[in-house]
Amino acid sequence: MTFKGVFNWLVGLPIAVAGIGFAVANRQWVTVSFDPLNRVHPFATVDMPLWALFFCGVFIGIFAGWYVAWRGNARYRRATRDAKIELVRTQQLHEREKRDWQQSTAIATRQE
């Protein structure tokens, strides 16, 4: 097992145990309201366990962080893609010029 694998287990296992402990300790149900203006008769409510609300928030945060990082690196992905295209064009041009030079030298040696 590599250092990265050992590190992942050393960090991931305590986090998993803490998450399971949190879920077991917070089994009570809570009402989540999506209407900030009317507290008596809210427009939309959801009843869920507290641990489910917590983990939904964590997953939404992970997804939002992934999306922001992905969008932030878009210019670097674009630059890499453009550099690859330019590299292929340059290689093709080099091969074409090399082939033309070889043909011209072959013709010149035949004429001598």
Protein backbone atom coordinates (compact mmCIF):
# COMPACT_ATOMS: atom_id res chain seq x y z
CA MET A 1 0.00 0.00 0.00
CA THR A 2 1.34 3.41 -0.94
CA PHE A 3 1.74 6.41 1.32
CA LYS A 4 -1.29 8.01 -0.30
CA GLY A 5 -3.41 4.94 0.44
CA VAL A 6 -2.30 4.84 4.07
CA PHE A 7 -2.91 8.58 4.42
CA ASN A 8 -6.40 8.22 2.91
CA TRP A 9 -7.25 5.49 5.42
CA LEU A 10 -5.80 7.45 8.34
CA VAL A 11 -7.85 10.51 7.45
CA GLY A 12 -10.95 8.90 5.94
CA LEU A 13 -11.63 6.32 8.63
CA PRO A 14 -11.93 8.80 11.54
CA ILE A 15 -14.11 11.06 9.39
CA ALA A 16 -16.37 8.11 8.54
CA VAL A 17 -16.59 7.05 12.18
CA ALA A 18 -17.44 10.62 13.22
CA GLY A 19 -20.09 10.83 10.48
CA ILE A 20 -21.68 7.56 11.57
CA GLY A 21 -21.61 8.71 15.19
CA PHE A 22 -23.24 12.00 14.22
CA ALA A 23 -25.97 10.16 12.29
CA VAL A 24 -26.72 7.83 15.19
CA ALA A 25 -26.75 10.65 17.77
CA ASN A 26 -29.04 12.92 15.68
CA ARG A 27 -31.91 10.69 14.65
CA GLN A 28 -34.65 13.17 15.59
CA TRP A 29 -36.74 14.63 12.81
CA VAL A 30 -36.68 18.33 11.97
CA THR A 31 -38.90 20.44 9.72
CA VAL A 32 -37.02 22.38 7.09
CA SER A 33 -38.92 25.38 5.74
CA PHE A 34 -38.12 27.05 2.43
CA ASP A 35 -40.40 30.04 3.06
CA PRO A 36 -38.65 32.78 5.06
CA LEU A 37 -41.67 35.11 5.05
CA ASN A 38 -44.42 32.97 6.59
CA ARG A 39 -43.40 31.00 9.67
CA VAL A 40 -46.93 29.86 10.61
CA HIS A 41 -47.97 28.36 7.26
CA PRO A 42 -44.84 28.04 5.15
CA PHE A 43 -45.09 27.55 1.41
CA ALA A 44 -42.75 24.53 1.24
CA THR A 45 -41.55 22.31 4.06
CA VAL A 46 -39.68 19.05 4.27
CA ASP A 47 -39.50 16.75 7.29
CA MET A 48 -36.23 14.85 7.50
CA PRO A 49 -33.79 13.51 10.07
CA LEU A 50 -31.20 16.01 11.22
CA TRP A 51 -28.34 13.84 9.98
CA ALA A 52 -29.87 13.73 6.48
CA LEU A 53 -30.06 17.52 6.45
CA PHE A 54 -26.41 17.71 7.53
CA PHE A 55 -25.21 15.26 4.88
CA CYS A 56 -27.28 16.97 2.17
CA GLY A 57 -25.52 20.21 3.08
CA VAL A 58 -22.14 18.51 2.97
CA PHE A 59 -22.82 16.96 -0.45
CA ILE A 60 -24.13 20.22 -1.86
CA GLY A 61 -21.00 21.96 -0.54
CA ILE A 62 -18.74 19.33 -2.10
CA PHE A 63 -20.55 19.64 -5.43
CA ALA A 64 -20.44 23.45 -5.32
CA GLY A 65 -16.71 23.40 -4.53
CA TRP A 66 -16.03 20.95 -7.35
CA TYR A 67 -18.01 23.12 -9.79
CA VAL A 68 -16.24 26.35 -8.79
CA ALA A 69 -12.83 24.68 -9.10
CA TRP A 70 -13.78 23.19 -12.48
CA ARG A 71 -14.96 26.57 -13.79
CA GLY A 72 -11.87 28.28 -12.38
CA ASN A 73 -9.59 25.95 -14.33
CA ALA A 74 -11.45 26.36 -17.63
CA ARG A 75 -8.87 28.76 -19.07
CA TYR A 76 -6.05 26.31 -18.34
CA ARG A 77 -7.95 23.44 -19.97
CA ARG A 78 -8.61 25.67 -22.99
CA ALA A 79 -4.93 26.69 -23.17
CA THR A 80 -3.88 23.04 -22.97
CA ARG A 81 -6.31 22.08 -25.71
CA ASP A 82 -5.09 24.93 -27.94
CA ALA A 83 -1.46 23.99 -27.29
CA LYS A 84 -2.16 20.38 -28.28
CA ILE A 85 -3.81 21.52 -31.50
CA GLU A 86 -0.88 23.81 -32.28
CA LEU A 87 1.56 20.98 -31.56
CA VAL A 88 -0.23 18.64 -33.98
CA ARG A 89 -0.28 21.35 -36.67
CA THR A 90 3.43 22.04 -36.17
CA GLN A 91 4.26 18.32 -36.32
CA GLN A 92 2.25 17.93 -39.53
CA LEU A 93 3.95 20.96 -41.06
CA HIS A 94 7.36 19.59 -40.06
CA GLU A 95 6.59 16.20 -41.59
CA ARG A 96 5.33 17.84 -44.80
CA GLU A 97 8.45 20.03 -45.09
CA LYS A 98 10.70 17.06 -44.30
CA ARG A 99 8.99 14.98 -47.00
CA ASP A 100 9.25 17.87 -49.51
CA TRP A 101 12.94 18.35 -48.68
CA GLN A 102 13.65 14.63 -49.09
CA GLN A 103 11.86 14.63 -52.44
CA SER A 104 13.73 17.69 -53.63
CA THR A 105 17.09 16.23 -52.60
CA ALA A 106 16.20 12.94 -54.30
CA ILE A 107 15.32 14.78 -57.52
CA ALA A 108 18.53 16.87 -57.30
CA THR A 109 20.69 13.77 -56.86
CA ARG A 110 19.03 12.05 -59.83
CA GLN A 111 19.65 15.04 -62.08
CA GLU A 112 23.36 15.07 -61.30
